[in-house]
């Protein structure tokens, strides 16, 4: 996937800082995800997921708003339910 411009919500910035998630890991998952899912409740949102080897293969889930220009990272978190599934 070609890299696009993106912006982070204030919440996403806080989460990255609190959980020490680097921009490199964020962008790897954002632009080259292992799995893409549509949000179950909001068609404007998309979930991008990747296993992160340097973090014990935990699965990073990034939720973005695909209708904004540039795309907006709404939130991100390590998804315990997905561990070992990617």
C-alpha atoms as a PDB file:
ATOM      1  CA  UNK A   1       0.000   0.000   0.000  1.00  0.00           C
ATOM      2  CA  UNK A   2       1.285   3.439  -0.861  1.00  0.00           C
ATOM      3  CA  UNK A   3       1.861   5.673   2.134  1.00  0.00           C
ATOM      4  CA  UNK A   4      -0.768   8.332   2.560  1.00  0.00           C
ATOM      5  CA  UNK A   5      -0.867  11.396   4.703  1.00  0.00           C
ATOM      6  CA  UNK A   6      -2.537  10.847   8.038  1.00  0.00           C
ATOM      7  CA  UNK A   7      -3.209  12.680  11.256  1.00  0.00           C
ATOM      8  CA  UNK A   8      -3.547  11.510  14.832  1.00  0.00           C
ATOM      9  CA  UNK A   9      -6.413  12.348  17.158  1.00  0.00           C
ATOM     10  CA  UNK A  10      -5.375  13.728  20.539  1.00  0.00           C
ATOM     11  CA  UNK A  11      -6.448  10.420  22.058  1.00  0.00           C
ATOM     12  CA  UNK A  12      -4.212   8.450  19.642  1.00  0.00           C
ATOM     13  CA  UNK A  13      -1.240  10.687  20.510  1.00  0.00           C
ATOM     14  CA  UNK A  14      -1.825  10.074  24.228  1.00  0.00           C
ATOM     15  CA  UNK A  15      -2.085   6.313  23.744  1.00  0.00           C
ATOM     16  CA  UNK A  16       1.141   6.212  21.714  1.00  0.00           C
ATOM     17  CA  UNK A  17       2.978   8.075  24.450  1.00  0.00           C
ATOM     18  CA  UNK A  18       1.471   6.058  27.338  1.00  0.00           C
ATOM     19  CA  UNK A  19       2.189   2.697  25.682  1.00  0.00           C
ATOM     20  CA  UNK A  20       5.491   3.630  24.008  1.00  0.00           C
ATOM     21  CA  UNK A  21       4.190   2.851  20.508  1.00  0.00           C
ATOM     22  CA  UNK A  22       6.621   4.271  17.974  1.00  0.00           C
ATOM     23  CA  UNK A  23       5.698   6.023  14.746  1.00  0.00           C
ATOM     24  CA  UNK A  24       7.554   3.261  12.886  1.00  0.00           C
ATOM     25  CA  UNK A  25       5.251   0.582  14.365  1.00  0.00           C
ATOM     26  CA  UNK A  26       2.184   2.776  13.826  1.00  0.00           C
ATOM     27  CA  UNK A  27       3.038   3.405  10.172  1.00  0.00           C
ATOM     28  CA  UNK A  28       3.939  -0.231   9.487  1.00  0.00           C
ATOM     29  CA  UNK A  29       0.492  -1.292  10.707  1.00  0.00           C
ATOM     30  CA  UNK A  30      -1.286   1.660   9.101  1.00  0.00           C
ATOM     31  CA  UNK A  31       0.223   1.264   5.625  1.00  0.00           C
ATOM     32  CA  UNK A  32       0.981  -2.476   5.481  1.00  0.00           C
ATOM     33  CA  UNK A  33      -1.530  -4.208   7.776  1.00  0.00           C
ATOM     34  CA  UNK A  34      -1.808  -7.968   8.030  1.00  0.00           C
ATOM     35  CA  UNK A  35      -5.604  -7.670   8.292  1.00  0.00           C
ATOM     36  CA  UNK A  36      -8.182  -4.980   7.515  1.00  0.00           C
ATOM     37  CA  UNK A  37     -11.667  -5.105   9.053  1.00  0.00           C
ATOM     38  CA  UNK A  38     -14.687  -2.863   8.660  1.00  0.00           C
ATOM     39  CA  UNK A  39     -16.060  -1.444  11.895  1.00  0.00           C
ATOM     40  CA  UNK A  40     -19.220  -3.250  13.037  1.00  0.00           C
ATOM     41  CA  UNK A  41     -20.998  -0.072  14.073  1.00  0.00           C
ATOM     42  CA  UNK A  42     -19.653   2.823  12.014  1.00  0.00           C
ATOM     43  CA  UNK A  43     -19.073   2.529   8.255  1.00  0.00           C
ATOM     44  CA  UNK A  44     -16.699   5.527   8.360  1.00  0.00           C
ATOM     45  CA  UNK A  45     -14.216   3.506  10.441  1.00  0.00           C
ATOM     46  CA  UNK A  46     -11.758   0.798   9.457  1.00  0.00           C
ATOM     47  CA  UNK A  47      -9.555  -1.405  11.656  1.00  0.00           C
ATOM     48  CA  UNK A  48      -5.994  -2.222  10.586  1.00  0.00           C
ATOM     49  CA  UNK A  49      -4.148  -4.944  12.454  1.00  0.00           C
ATOM     50  CA  UNK A  50      -0.611  -6.352  12.524  1.00  0.00           C
ATOM     51  CA  UNK A  51       1.406  -8.621  14.734  1.00  0.00           C
ATOM     52  CA  UNK A  52       4.388  -6.732  16.198  1.00  0.00           C
ATOM     53  CA  UNK A  53       7.417  -9.057  16.508  1.00  0.00           C
ATOM     54  CA  UNK A  54       9.453  -6.637  18.617  1.00  0.00           C
ATOM     55  CA  UNK A  55       6.626  -6.564  21.160  1.00  0.00           C
ATOM     56  CA  UNK A  56       6.199 -10.312  21.750  1.00  0.00           C
ATOM     57  CA  UNK A  57       3.978 -10.623  18.631  1.00  0.00           C
ATOM     58  CA  UNK A  58       1.200  -8.649  20.273  1.00  0.00           C
ATOM     59  CA  UNK A  59      -1.412  -7.502  17.764  1.00  0.00           C
ATOM     60  CA  UNK A  60      -1.718  -3.760  17.257  1.00  0.00           C
ATOM     61  CA  UNK A  61      -5.203  -2.595  16.231  1.00  0.00           C
ATOM     62  CA  UNK A  62      -5.453   0.863  14.692  1.00  0.00           C
ATOM     63  CA  UNK A  63      -8.887   2.366  14.095  1.00  0.00           C
ATOM     64  CA  UNK A  64      -9.006   5.029  11.413  1.00  0.00           C
ATOM     65  CA  UNK A  65     -11.625   7.279   9.874  1.00  0.00           C
ATOM     66  CA  UNK A  66     -11.364   6.535   6.164  1.00  0.00           C
ATOM     67  CA  UNK A  67     -13.566   9.439   5.063  1.00  0.00           C
ATOM     68  CA  UNK A  68     -11.393  12.235   6.390  1.00  0.00           C
ATOM     69  CA  UNK A  69      -8.675  13.757   4.264  1.00  0.00           C
ATOM     70  CA  UNK A  70      -6.063  12.984   5.365  1.00  0.00           C
ATOM     71  CA  UNK A  71      -7.138   9.751   7.087  1.00  0.00           C
ATOM     72  CA  UNK A  72      -7.388  10.158  10.851  1.00  0.00           C
ATOM     73  CA  UNK A  73      -6.105   7.674  13.401  1.00  0.00           C
ATOM     74  CA  UNK A  74      -8.878   7.668  16.000  1.00  0.00           C
ATOM     75  CA  UNK A  75      -7.316   5.209  18.438  1.00  0.00           C
ATOM     76  CA  UNK A  76      -4.908   2.306  18.666  1.00  0.00           C
ATOM     77  CA  UNK A  77      -4.315  -0.470  21.150  1.00  0.00           C
ATOM     78  CA  UNK A  78      -2.834  -3.917  21.576  1.00  0.00           C
ATOM     79  CA  UNK A  79      -5.743  -6.309  21.068  1.00  0.00           C
ATOM     80  CA  UNK A  80      -5.441  -9.259  23.448  1.00  0.00           C
ATOM     81  CA  UNK A  81      -8.309 -11.098  21.709  1.00  0.00           C
ATOM     82  CA  UNK A  82      -6.251 -11.279  18.484  1.00  0.00           C
ATOM     83  CA  UNK A  83      -3.018 -12.588  19.996  1.00  0.00           C
ATOM     84  CA  UNK A  84      -1.822 -15.639  18.096  1.00  0.00           C
ATOM     85  CA  UNK A  85      -4.439 -15.193  15.342  1.00  0.00           C
ATOM     86  CA  UNK A  86      -2.286 -13.315  12.825  1.00  0.00           C
END
